[in-house]
Amino acid sequence: MRRLALAACLIALPAAACGGGKGDDRGQAQAAAEAYVAKLGKRDGPGACDQMTRHLQAQFVEVVTRTDDRFRGSSCRTIMQAAVDQIPASQLRQFAQAKIEDLKLSGDRGTFRYTLGRIRVAGRVEKEGGDWKVSCCVPGAGG
């Protein structure tokens, strides 16, 4: 189960940079990033998956099922719930308190940042089917 929690953290710790954006898109992209982080902080695995692009969901499922056969054939929602259930409450509180910063949009893609304790995390968003979703997450360290 430690691998599962680690996989969730790696996927959940959203990488950065980009240009400007439009007002309406900006608000929607910001809301998508905030919802993703908030759902992680509330132990809402299915809700967190719903905020992810289909590609990111597939990546997450692939990483977890490659290291833990128990989840073969399971959905992102099921796996993410099992993962967030393993994260200590103190770490979840950090997700719940995280504020989205430095949102930058360029067309249908963008980047953002937030802080978990002393870790600065960078993430990406993109439009999928007309909705903004979190599209990529990798660990960030300082800077």
Protein backbone atom coordinates (compact mmCIF):
# COMPACT_ATOMS: atom_id res chain seq x y z
CA MET A 1 0.00 0.00 0.00
CA ARG A 2 2.96 2.35 0.47
CA ARG A 3 3.62 2.12 -3.27
CA LEU A 4 0.01 3.04 -3.90
CA ALA A 5 0.19 6.12 -1.68
CA LEU A 6 3.50 7.07 -3.31
CA ALA A 7 1.97 6.73 -6.78
CA ALA A 8 -0.92 8.94 -5.73
CA CYS A 9 1.48 11.53 -4.37
CA LEU A 10 3.60 11.47 -7.51
CA ILE A 11 0.56 11.92 -9.70
CA ALA A 12 -1.00 14.39 -7.33
CA LEU A 13 2.06 16.55 -6.97
CA PRO A 14 1.52 18.61 -10.05
CA ALA A 15 5.31 20.77 -13.66
CA ALA A 16 5.27 24.33 -14.93
CA ALA A 17 5.68 27.47 -17.29
CA CYS A 18 3.73 29.31 -20.10
CA GLY A 19 2.08 32.52 -21.37
CA GLY A 20 -1.14 34.51 -20.88
CA GLY A 21 -4.85 33.63 -21.07
CA LYS A 22 -8.45 34.79 -21.34
CA GLY A 23 -10.56 35.87 -18.36
CA ASP A 24 -13.27 33.18 -18.51
CA ASP A 25 -10.79 30.41 -19.27
CA ARG A 26 -8.57 31.69 -16.50
CA GLY A 27 -11.33 31.37 -13.91
CA GLN A 28 -12.30 27.92 -15.12
CA ALA A 29 -8.70 26.69 -15.21
CA GLN A 30 -8.11 28.07 -11.71
CA ALA A 31 -11.28 26.37 -10.47
CA ALA A 32 -10.20 23.04 -11.98
CA ALA A 33 -6.80 23.17 -10.26
CA GLU A 34 -8.40 24.23 -6.95
CA ALA A 35 -11.02 21.48 -7.15
CA TYR A 36 -8.38 18.83 -7.83
CA VAL A 37 -6.24 19.81 -4.85
CA ALA A 38 -9.28 20.28 -2.59
CA LYS A 39 -10.66 16.85 -3.46
CA LEU A 40 -7.34 15.25 -2.57
CA GLY A 41 -7.46 17.10 0.75
CA LYS A 42 -10.95 15.73 1.41
CA ARG A 43 -9.95 12.11 0.64
CA ASP A 44 -12.23 12.22 -2.40
CA GLY A 45 -10.39 9.87 -4.77
CA PRO A 46 -13.22 9.66 -7.32
CA GLY A 47 -13.58 13.44 -7.30
CA ALA A 48 -9.83 13.91 -7.82
CA CYS A 49 -9.93 11.54 -10.81
CA ASP A 50 -12.87 13.45 -12.25
CA GLN A 51 -10.65 16.57 -12.25
CA MET A 52 -7.90 14.78 -14.23
CA THR A 53 -7.62 14.46 -18.01
CA ARG A 54 -8.29 11.01 -19.44
CA HIS A 55 -4.60 10.74 -20.32
CA LEU A 56 -3.50 11.49 -16.75
CA GLN A 57 -6.05 9.00 -15.41
CA ALA A 58 -4.64 6.33 -17.74
CA GLN A 59 -1.07 7.15 -16.66
CA PHE A 60 -2.03 6.90 -12.99
CA VAL A 61 -3.79 3.55 -13.48
CA GLU A 62 -0.84 2.20 -15.47
CA VAL A 63 1.72 3.22 -12.84
CA VAL A 64 -0.26 1.70 -9.99
CA THR A 65 -1.24 -1.55 -11.73
CA ARG A 66 2.35 -2.06 -12.89
CA THR A 67 3.46 -2.11 -9.24
CA ASP A 68 0.39 -3.61 -7.55
CA ASP A 69 -1.52 -6.46 -9.25
CA ARG A 70 -4.45 -6.11 -6.85
CA PHE A 71 -5.64 -3.11 -8.85
CA ARG A 72 -5.56 -4.69 -12.33
CA GLY A 73 -8.86 -3.87 -14.03
CA SER A 74 -9.74 -1.17 -11.47
CA SER A 75 -10.76 2.34 -12.42
CA CYS A 76 -8.85 5.52 -11.64
CA ARG A 77 -11.59 6.42 -9.18
CA THR A 78 -11.19 3.16 -7.24
CA ILE A 79 -7.41 3.26 -7.22
CA MET A 80 -7.24 6.94 -6.24
CA GLN A 81 -9.61 6.34 -3.34
CA ALA A 82 -7.43 3.50 -2.09
CA ALA A 83 -4.41 5.76 -2.47
CA VAL A 84 -5.78 8.78 -0.62
CA ASP A 85 -7.02 6.49 2.13
CA GLN A 86 -3.33 5.68 2.79
CA ILE A 87 -2.12 9.29 3.02
CA PRO A 88 -1.75 10.54 6.61
CA ALA A 89 -4.28 13.14 7.74
CA SER A 90 -1.54 15.74 8.30
CA GLN A 91 -0.51 15.52 4.64
CA LEU A 92 -4.12 15.68 3.49
CA ARG A 93 -4.58 18.88 5.49
CA GLN A 94 -1.76 20.41 3.47
CA PHE A 95 -3.67 19.65 0.26
CA ALA A 96 -6.83 21.13 1.78
CA GLN A 97 -4.97 24.34 2.67
CA ALA A 98 -3.07 24.69 -0.62
CA LYS A 99 -3.70 27.82 -2.67
CA ILE A 100 -3.29 27.84 -6.43
CA GLU A 101 -0.75 30.44 -7.55
CA ASP A 102 0.96 31.62 -10.73
CA LEU A 103 -1.69 30.32 -13.13
CA LYS A 104 -0.54 31.00 -16.69
CA LEU A 105 -2.54 30.04 -19.77
CA SER A 106 -1.53 29.70 -23.39
CA GLY A 107 -4.45 28.64 -25.55
CA ASP A 108 -6.00 25.47 -24.19
CA ARG A 109 -3.11 24.66 -21.85
CA GLY A 110 -1.64 26.21 -18.76
CA THR A 111 0.48 25.85 -15.69
CA PHE A 112 0.02 26.59 -11.98
CA ARG A 113 1.81 26.24 -8.67
CA TYR A 114 0.88 25.52 -5.09
CA THR A 115 2.68 24.73 -1.85
CA LEU A 116 2.37 21.66 0.37
CA GLY A 117 4.17 22.47 3.58
CA ARG A 118 7.66 23.37 2.38
CA ILE A 119 7.31 21.67 -1.01
CA ARG A 120 6.49 23.86 -3.99
CA VAL A 121 4.45 21.91 -6.50
CA ALA A 122 3.97 22.73 -10.16
CA GLY A 123 1.09 21.42 -12.25
CA ARG A 124 -0.50 21.71 -15.66
CA VAL A 125 -4.05 22.10 -16.84
CA GLU A 126 -5.61 21.72 -20.27
CA LYS A 127 -8.99 21.85 -21.89
CA GLU A 128 -10.57 18.48 -22.57
CA GLY A 129 -14.03 18.31 -24.10
CA GLY A 130 -14.52 22.01 -23.33
CA ASP A 131 -13.67 21.63 -19.61
CA TRP A 132 -10.43 22.48 -17.86
CA LYS A 133 -8.74 19.50 -16.18
CA VAL A 134 -5.44 18.82 -14.42
CA SER A 135 -3.25 17.27 -17.12
CA CYS A 136 0.10 16.52 -15.59
CA CYS A 137 1.54 16.13 -12.19
CA VAL A 138 5.09 15.44 -11.14
CA PRO A 139 6.88 16.09 -7.86
CA GLY A 140 8.47 19.49 -7.43
CA ALA A 141 11.11 20.50 -4.95
CA GLY A 142 11.73 24.04 -3.81
CA GLY A 143 12.41 26.94 -6.16
